């Protein structure tokens, strides 16, 4: 779980989970507003790039 404060002082509470199932990796992000994003990829580095982009969007 990550707590971050935006420049406006607003808090964002995020839940971030990763799972590996065989040769696939899964990630799930949930914000304090109930927004959920789920990702699946066979390459962990590509999955992490997708997750990083989504986190940046959520925190803007």
PDB file of N, CA and C in Angstrom:
ATOM      1  N   UNK A   1       0.834  -1.158   0.000  1.00  0.00           N
ATOM      2  CA  UNK A   1       0.000   0.000   0.000  1.00  0.00           C
ATOM      3  C   UNK A   1       0.891   1.238   0.000  1.00  0.00           C
ATOM      4  N   UNK A   2       0.503   2.234  -0.780  1.00  0.00           N
ATOM      5  CA  UNK A   2       1.282   3.458  -0.912  1.00  0.00           C
ATOM      6  C   UNK A   2       0.381   4.645  -0.602  1.00  0.00           C
ATOM      7  N   UNK A   3       0.865   5.557   0.199  1.00  0.00           N
ATOM      8  CA  UNK A   3       0.142   6.803   0.442  1.00  0.00           C
ATOM      9  C   UNK A   3       0.986   7.923  -0.130  1.00  0.00           C
ATOM     10  N   UNK A   4       0.386   8.742  -0.962  1.00  0.00           N
ATOM     11  CA  UNK A   4       1.109   9.837  -1.602  1.00  0.00           C
ATOM     12  C   UNK A   4       0.273  11.099  -1.508  1.00  0.00           C
ATOM     13  N   UNK A   5       0.930  12.220  -1.367  1.00  0.00           N
ATOM     14  CA  UNK A   5       0.234  13.508  -1.353  1.00  0.00           C
ATOM     15  C   UNK A   5       0.545  14.246  -2.653  1.00  0.00           C
ATOM     16  N   UNK A   6      -0.501  14.706  -3.296  1.00  0.00           N
ATOM     17  CA  UNK A   6      -0.327  15.484  -4.522  1.00  0.00           C
ATOM     18  C   UNK A   6       0.040  16.919  -4.144  1.00  0.00           C
ATOM     19  N   UNK A   7       0.490  17.720  -5.113  1.00  0.00           N
ATOM     20  CA  UNK A   7       0.827  19.110  -4.822  1.00  0.00           C
ATOM     21  C   UNK A   7      -0.343  19.888  -4.206  1.00  0.00           C
ATOM     22  N   UNK A   8      -1.564  19.484  -4.500  1.00  0.00           N
ATOM     23  CA  UNK A   8      -2.740  20.159  -3.941  1.00  0.00           C
ATOM     24  C   UNK A   8      -3.014  19.725  -2.507  1.00  0.00           C
ATOM     25  N   UNK A   9      -2.230  18.765  -1.995  1.00  0.00           N
ATOM     26  CA  UNK A   9      -2.406  18.293  -0.624  1.00  0.00           C
ATOM     27  C   UNK A   9      -3.369  17.134  -0.501  1.00  0.00           C
ATOM     28  N   UNK A  10      -3.940  16.708  -1.608  1.00  0.00           N
ATOM     29  CA  UNK A  10      -4.886  15.597  -1.590  1.00  0.00           C
ATOM     30  C   UNK A  10      -4.146  14.275  -1.421  1.00  0.00           C
ATOM     31  N   UNK A  11      -4.677  13.372  -0.638  1.00  0.00           N
ATOM     32  CA  UNK A  11      -4.052  12.059  -0.426  1.00  0.00           C
ATOM     33  C   UNK A  11      -4.596  11.038  -1.401  1.00  0.00           C
ATOM     34  N   UNK A  12      -3.744  10.158  -1.826  1.00  0.00           N
ATOM     35  CA  UNK A  12      -4.128   9.039  -2.682  1.00  0.00           C
ATOM     36  C   UNK A  12      -3.687   7.769  -1.973  1.00  0.00           C
ATOM     37  N   UNK A  13      -4.594   6.866  -1.747  1.00  0.00           N
ATOM     38  CA  UNK A  13      -4.278   5.587  -1.141  1.00  0.00           C
ATOM     39  C   UNK A  13      -4.360   4.543  -2.228  1.00  0.00           C
ATOM     40  N   UNK A  14      -3.261   3.845  -2.467  1.00  0.00           N
ATOM     41  CA  UNK A  14      -3.210   2.884  -3.553  1.00  0.00           C
ATOM     42  C   UNK A  14      -2.865   1.495  -3.042  1.00  0.00           C
ATOM     43  N   UNK A  15      -3.512   0.518  -3.613  1.00  0.00           N
ATOM     44  CA  UNK A  15      -3.180  -0.874  -3.350  1.00  0.00           C
ATOM     45  C   UNK A  15      -2.592  -1.420  -4.641  1.00  0.00           C
ATOM     46  N   UNK A  16      -1.438  -2.026  -4.541  1.00  0.00           N
ATOM     47  CA  UNK A  16      -0.742  -2.546  -5.707  1.00  0.00           C
ATOM     48  C   UNK A  16      -0.378  -3.994  -5.436  1.00  0.00           C
ATOM     49  N   UNK A  17      -0.825  -4.894  -6.293  1.00  0.00           N
ATOM     50  CA  UNK A  17      -0.565  -6.319  -6.105  1.00  0.00           C
ATOM     51  C   UNK A  17       0.014  -6.915  -7.385  1.00  0.00           C
ATOM     52  N   UNK A  18       0.970  -7.819  -7.210  1.00  0.00           N
ATOM     53  CA  UNK A  18       1.569  -8.545  -8.329  1.00  0.00           C
ATOM     54  C   UNK A  18       1.400 -10.040  -8.093  1.00  0.00           C
ATOM     55  N   UNK A  19       1.235 -10.783  -9.188  1.00  0.00           N
ATOM     56  CA  UNK A  19       1.075 -12.228  -9.119  1.00  0.00           C
ATOM     57  C   UNK A  19       1.715 -12.848 -10.344  1.00  0.00           C
ATOM     58  N   UNK A  20       2.354 -13.980 -10.142  1.00  0.00           N
ATOM     59  CA  UNK A  20       2.900 -14.725 -11.278  1.00  0.00           C
ATOM     60  C   UNK A  20       2.147 -16.039 -11.369  1.00  0.00           C
ATOM     61  N   UNK A  21       1.664 -16.342 -12.566  1.00  0.00           N
ATOM     62  CA  UNK A  21       0.956 -17.586 -12.817  1.00  0.00           C
ATOM     63  C   UNK A  21       1.600 -18.251 -14.026  1.00  0.00           C
ATOM     64  N   UNK A  22       2.449 -19.230 -13.768  1.00  0.00           N
ATOM     65  CA  UNK A  22       3.169 -19.879 -14.857  1.00  0.00           C
ATOM     66  C   UNK A  22       4.102 -18.901 -15.531  1.00  0.00           C
ATOM     67  N   UNK A  23       3.874 -18.651 -16.809  1.00  0.00           N
ATOM     68  CA  UNK A  23       4.742 -17.726 -17.546  1.00  0.00           C
ATOM     69  C   UNK A  23       4.102 -16.354 -17.755  1.00  0.00           C
ATOM     70  N   UNK A  24       3.029 -16.055 -17.016  1.00  0.00           N
ATOM     71  CA  UNK A  24       2.389 -14.743 -17.113  1.00  0.00           C
ATOM     72  C   UNK A  24       2.454 -14.006 -15.775  1.00  0.00           C
ATOM     73  N   UNK A  25       2.553 -12.691 -15.867  1.00  0.00           N
ATOM     74  CA  UNK A  25       2.582 -11.832 -14.693  1.00  0.00           C
ATOM     75  C   UNK A  25       1.315 -10.975 -14.697  1.00  0.00           C
ATOM     76  N   UNK A  26       0.754 -10.771 -13.516  1.00  0.00           N
ATOM     77  CA  UNK A  26      -0.445  -9.969 -13.358  1.00  0.00           C
ATOM     78  C   UNK A  26      -0.175  -8.846 -12.357  1.00  0.00           C
ATOM     79  N   UNK A  27      -0.822  -7.713 -12.579  1.00  0.00           N
ATOM     80  CA  UNK A  27      -0.745  -6.596 -11.633  1.00  0.00           C
ATOM     81  C   UNK A  27      -2.142  -6.006 -11.493  1.00  0.00           C
ATOM     82  N   UNK A  28      -2.426  -5.544 -10.287  1.00  0.00           N
ATOM     83  CA  UNK A  28      -3.721  -4.900 -10.007  1.00  0.00           C
ATOM     84  C   UNK A  28      -3.458  -3.665  -9.158  1.00  0.00           C
ATOM     85  N   UNK A  29      -4.035  -2.536  -9.576  1.00  0.00           N
ATOM     86  CA  UNK A  29      -3.914  -1.277  -8.859  1.00  0.00           C
ATOM     87  C   UNK A  29      -5.328  -0.844  -8.461  1.00  0.00           C
ATOM     88  N   UNK A  30      -5.477  -0.436  -7.202  1.00  0.00           N
ATOM     89  CA  UNK A  30      -6.764   0.090  -6.752  1.00  0.00           C
ATOM     90  C   UNK A  30      -6.526   1.397  -6.014  1.00  0.00           C
ATOM     91  N   UNK A  31      -7.283   2.428  -6.383  1.00  0.00           N
ATOM     92  CA  UNK A  31      -7.135   3.738  -5.748  1.00  0.00           C
ATOM     93  C   UNK A  31      -8.184   3.905  -4.657  1.00  0.00           C
ATOM     94  N   UNK A  32      -8.012   4.952  -3.872  1.00  0.00           N
ATOM     95  CA  UNK A  32      -8.970   5.211  -2.799  1.00  0.00           C
ATOM     96  C   UNK A  32     -10.331   5.634  -3.336  1.00  0.00           C
ATOM     97  N   UNK A  33     -10.415   5.977  -4.604  1.00  0.00           N
ATOM     98  CA  UNK A  33     -11.700   6.321  -5.217  1.00  0.00           C
ATOM     99  C   UNK A  33     -12.382   5.088  -5.811  1.00  0.00           C
ATOM    100  N   UNK A  34     -11.756   3.926  -5.666  1.00  0.00           N
ATOM    101  CA  UNK A  34     -12.340   2.685  -6.170  1.00  0.00           C
ATOM    102  C   UNK A  34     -11.961   2.357  -7.598  1.00  0.00           C
ATOM    103  N   UNK A  35     -11.127   3.185  -8.203  1.00  0.00           N
ATOM    104  CA  UNK A  35     -10.681   2.909  -9.575  1.00  0.00           C
ATOM    105  C   UNK A  35      -9.736   1.706  -9.564  1.00  0.00           C
ATOM    106  N   UNK A  36     -10.007   0.746 -10.430  1.00  0.00           N
ATOM    107  CA  UNK A  36      -9.203  -0.471 -10.489  1.00  0.00           C
ATOM    108  C   UNK A  36      -8.643  -0.622 -11.901  1.00  0.00           C
ATOM    109  N   UNK A  37      -7.357  -0.942 -11.972  1.00  0.00           N
ATOM    110  CA  UNK A  37      -6.710  -1.234 -13.252  1.00  0.00           C
ATOM    111  C   UNK A  37      -6.011  -2.578 -13.112  1.00  0.00           C
ATOM    112  N   UNK A  38      -6.191  -3.432 -14.089  1.00  0.00           N
ATOM    113  CA  UNK A  38      -5.544  -4.745 -14.071  1.00  0.00           C
ATOM    114  C   UNK A  38      -4.754  -4.923 -15.358  1.00  0.00           C
ATOM    115  N   UNK A  39      -3.582  -5.523 -15.222  1.00  0.00           N
ATOM    116  CA  UNK A  39      -2.684  -5.719 -16.353  1.00  0.00           C
ATOM    117  C   UNK A  39      -2.182  -7.159 -16.368  1.00  0.00           C
ATOM    118  N   UNK A  40      -1.920  -7.663 -17.567  1.00  0.00           N
ATOM    119  CA  UNK A  40      -1.359  -9.004 -17.722  1.00  0.00           C
ATOM    120  C   UNK A  40      -0.329  -8.944 -18.838  1.00  0.00           C
ATOM    121  N   UNK A  41       0.822  -9.570 -18.623  1.00  0.00           N
ATOM    122  CA  UNK A  41       1.866  -9.572 -19.644  1.00  0.00           C
ATOM    123  C   UNK A  41       2.806 -10.740 -19.384  1.00  0.00           C
ATOM    124  N   UNK A  42       3.401 -11.261 -20.419  1.00  0.00           N
ATOM    125  CA  UNK A  42       4.368 -12.348 -20.257  1.00  0.00           C
ATOM    126  C   UNK A  42       5.753 -11.838 -19.876  1.00  0.00           C
ATOM    127  N   UNK A  43       6.024 -10.568 -20.158  1.00  0.00           N
ATOM    128  CA  UNK A  43       7.335  -9.985 -19.844  1.00  0.00           C
ATOM    129  C   UNK A  43       7.196  -9.066 -18.633  1.00  0.00           C
ATOM    130  N   UNK A  44       7.914  -9.367 -17.569  1.00  0.00           N
ATOM    131  CA  UNK A  44       7.812  -8.591 -16.337  1.00  0.00           C
ATOM    132  C   UNK A  44       8.210  -7.133 -16.554  1.00  0.00           C
ATOM    133  N   UNK A  45       9.247  -6.872 -17.327  1.00  0.00           N
ATOM    134  CA  UNK A  45       9.667  -5.484 -17.533  1.00  0.00           C
ATOM    135  C   UNK A  45       8.590  -4.676 -18.252  1.00  0.00           C
ATOM    136  N   UNK A  46       7.887  -5.288 -19.191  1.00  0.00           N
ATOM    137  CA  UNK A  46       6.806  -4.583 -19.882  1.00  0.00           C
ATOM    138  C   UNK A  46       5.635  -4.331 -18.939  1.00  0.00           C
ATOM    139  N   UNK A  47       5.341  -5.305 -18.084  1.00  0.00           N
ATOM    140  CA  UNK A  47       4.277  -5.134 -17.107  1.00  0.00           C
ATOM    141  C   UNK A  47       4.597  -3.994 -16.148  1.00  0.00           C
ATOM    142  N   UNK A  48       5.834  -3.935 -15.684  1.00  0.00           N
ATOM    143  CA  UNK A  48       6.237  -2.868 -14.770  1.00  0.00           C
ATOM    144  C   UNK A  48       6.146  -1.498 -15.434  1.00  0.00           C
ATOM    145  N   UNK A  49       6.463  -1.418 -16.714  1.00  0.00           N
ATOM    146  CA  UNK A  49       6.341  -0.164 -17.456  1.00  0.00           C
ATOM    147  C   UNK A  49       4.880   0.267 -17.543  1.00  0.00           C
ATOM    148  N   UNK A  50       3.980  -0.672 -17.821  1.00  0.00           N
ATOM    149  CA  UNK A  50       2.548  -0.360 -17.865  1.00  0.00           C
ATOM    150  C   UNK A  50       2.048   0.134 -16.510  1.00  0.00           C
ATOM    151  N   UNK A  51       2.457  -0.551 -15.445  1.00  0.00           N
ATOM    152  CA  UNK A  51       2.038  -0.181 -14.098  1.00  0.00           C
ATOM    153  C   UNK A  51       2.577   1.202 -13.722  1.00  0.00           C
ATOM    154  N   UNK A  52       3.829   1.468 -14.044  1.00  0.00           N
ATOM    155  CA  UNK A  52       4.421   2.773 -13.733  1.00  0.00           C
ATOM    156  C   UNK A  52       3.659   3.896 -14.436  1.00  0.00           C
ATOM    157  N   UNK A  53       3.292   3.699 -15.673  1.00  0.00           N
ATOM    158  CA  UNK A  53       2.519   4.697 -16.408  1.00  0.00           C
ATOM    159  C   UNK A  53       1.154   4.937 -15.777  1.00  0.00           C
ATOM    160  N   UNK A  54       0.502   3.866 -15.355  1.00  0.00           N
ATOM    161  CA  UNK A  54      -0.808   3.991 -14.716  1.00  0.00           C
ATOM    162  C   UNK A  54      -0.697   4.721 -13.377  1.00  0.00           C
ATOM    163  N   UNK A  55       0.343   4.417 -12.610  1.00  0.00           N
ATOM    164  CA  UNK A  55       0.550   5.100 -11.327  1.00  0.00           C
ATOM    165  C   UNK A  55       0.786   6.589 -11.532  1.00  0.00           C
ATOM    166  N   UNK A  56       1.556   6.951 -12.531  1.00  0.00           N
ATOM    167  CA  UNK A  56       1.779   8.365 -12.832  1.00  0.00           C
ATOM    168  C   UNK A  56       0.477   9.059 -13.156  1.00  0.00           C
ATOM    169  N   UNK A  57      -0.378   8.406 -13.953  1.00  0.00           N
ATOM    170  CA  UNK A  57      -1.670   8.988 -14.314  1.00  0.00           C
ATOM    171  C   UNK A  57      -2.555   9.177 -13.086  1.00  0.00           C
ATOM    172  N   UNK A  58      -2.561   8.202 -12.189  1.00  0.00           N
ATOM    173  CA  UNK A  58      -3.383   8.284 -10.986  1.00  0.00           C
ATOM    174  C   UNK A  58      -2.945   9.399 -10.056  1.00  0.00           C
ATOM    175  N   UNK A  59      -1.648   9.657 -10.002  1.00  0.00           N
ATOM    176  CA  UNK A  59      -1.123  10.621  -9.052  1.00  0.00           C
ATOM    177  C   UNK A  59      -1.072  12.042  -9.595  1.00  0.00           C
ATOM    178  N   UNK A  60      -1.413  12.239 -10.853  1.00  0.00           N
ATOM    179  CA  UNK A  60      -1.407  13.597 -11.430  1.00  0.00           C
ATOM    180  C   UNK A  60      -2.616  14.378 -11.011  1.00  0.00           C
TER     181      UNK A  60
END
